[in-house]
Protein backbone atom coordinates (compact mmCIF):
# COMPACT_ATOMS: atom_id res chain seq x y z
CA MET A 1 105.37 -136.25 -28.10
CA SER A 2 103.88 -136.79 -24.59
CA HIS A 3 100.98 -134.88 -23.03
CA TYR A 4 100.77 -134.31 -19.08
CA PHE A 5 98.21 -133.71 -16.80
CA TYR A 6 99.73 -132.41 -13.41
CA LEU A 7 99.12 -131.15 -9.87
CA ALA A 8 100.94 -127.95 -8.63
CA ARG A 9 101.18 -127.16 -4.88
CA CYS A 10 100.74 -123.33 -4.35
CA SER A 11 102.31 -121.27 -1.82
CA ASN A 12 99.01 -121.22 0.26
CA GLY A 13 98.91 -125.22 0.23
CA SER A 14 96.07 -125.46 -2.53
CA LEU A 15 96.43 -127.65 -5.42
CA TYR A 16 96.38 -126.33 -9.05
CA SER A 17 95.74 -128.91 -11.84
CA GLY A 18 96.63 -128.49 -15.52
CA TYR A 19 97.76 -129.81 -18.74
CA CYS A 20 101.02 -129.21 -20.67
CA LYS A 21 103.57 -130.91 -22.83
CA ASP A 22 106.66 -129.83 -21.01
CA LEU A 23 106.36 -130.09 -17.11
CA LYS A 24 109.81 -128.27 -16.50
CA SER A 25 108.70 -125.37 -18.74
CA ARG A 26 105.33 -125.18 -17.37
CA GLU A 27 106.52 -124.86 -13.76
CA GLU A 28 108.86 -122.14 -14.85
CA MET A 29 106.16 -120.28 -16.61
CA HIS A 30 103.91 -120.56 -13.56
CA ASN A 31 106.56 -119.14 -11.16
CA SER A 32 107.68 -116.36 -13.71
CA GLY A 33 103.99 -115.12 -13.28
CA LYS A 34 103.12 -115.88 -16.94
CA GLY A 35 100.90 -118.85 -16.01
CA ALA A 36 97.33 -119.10 -14.82
CA LYS A 37 95.82 -116.16 -13.21
CA TYR A 38 95.26 -118.29 -9.74
CA THR A 39 98.80 -119.47 -9.55
CA ARG A 40 100.16 -115.87 -10.23
CA ALA A 41 98.42 -114.90 -6.88
CA HIS A 42 99.88 -117.94 -5.15
CA LEU A 43 103.43 -118.03 -6.04
CA PRO A 44 105.62 -120.04 -5.95
CA VAL A 45 104.37 -123.30 -7.21
CA LYS A 46 105.98 -126.58 -7.51
CA ILE A 47 104.39 -129.40 -9.97
CA ILE A 48 104.26 -132.50 -7.52
CA TYR A 49 102.27 -135.02 -9.55
CA SER A 50 101.98 -135.82 -13.01
CA GLU A 51 100.40 -138.41 -15.32
CA GLU A 52 101.76 -139.08 -18.94
CA PHE A 53 99.21 -139.55 -21.95
CA ASP A 54 99.92 -140.33 -25.59
CA THR A 55 97.26 -137.63 -26.73
CA VAL A 56 95.98 -134.27 -25.82
CA SER A 57 92.20 -135.47 -25.29
CA GLU A 58 93.59 -138.22 -22.83
CA ALA A 59 95.25 -135.67 -20.75
CA LEU A 60 92.61 -132.99 -20.83
CA LYS A 61 89.81 -135.86 -19.94
CA ARG A 62 92.20 -136.71 -16.94
CA GLU A 63 92.43 -133.02 -15.95
CA ALA A 64 88.61 -132.72 -16.05
CA GLN A 65 88.15 -135.57 -14.08
CA VAL A 66 90.60 -134.92 -11.33
CA LYS A 67 89.40 -131.27 -10.99
CA LYS A 68 86.13 -132.59 -9.79
CA PHE A 69 87.86 -134.48 -6.96
CA PRO A 70 87.73 -132.96 -3.40
CA LYS A 71 91.20 -131.98 -2.13
CA SER A 72 91.42 -135.03 0.18
CA ARG A 73 91.01 -137.29 -2.81
CA LYS A 74 93.59 -135.13 -4.86
CA GLU A 75 96.08 -135.45 -1.98
CA GLU A 76 95.51 -139.42 -1.90
CA LEU A 77 96.37 -139.34 -5.43
CA ILE A 78 99.67 -137.54 -4.96
CA ASN A 79 100.75 -139.89 -1.87
CA MET A 80 100.02 -143.34 -3.81
């Protein structure tokens, strides 16, 4: 089973980072208002970037790493 780190663009232009096992379901969950508190306040959201990993640990480590990036560096990652 794959595990994903992702970046979602919120309606206000901000970026939300997260982890999931199914990107489509996670985006639907965010947009149904059942996702993270932050995204519920900034709907709709669109997952615009993801990286696939073999383990939960790898995906969560990448999420923690990217969360520390300034927005400009996250934008560079998206545009690679």
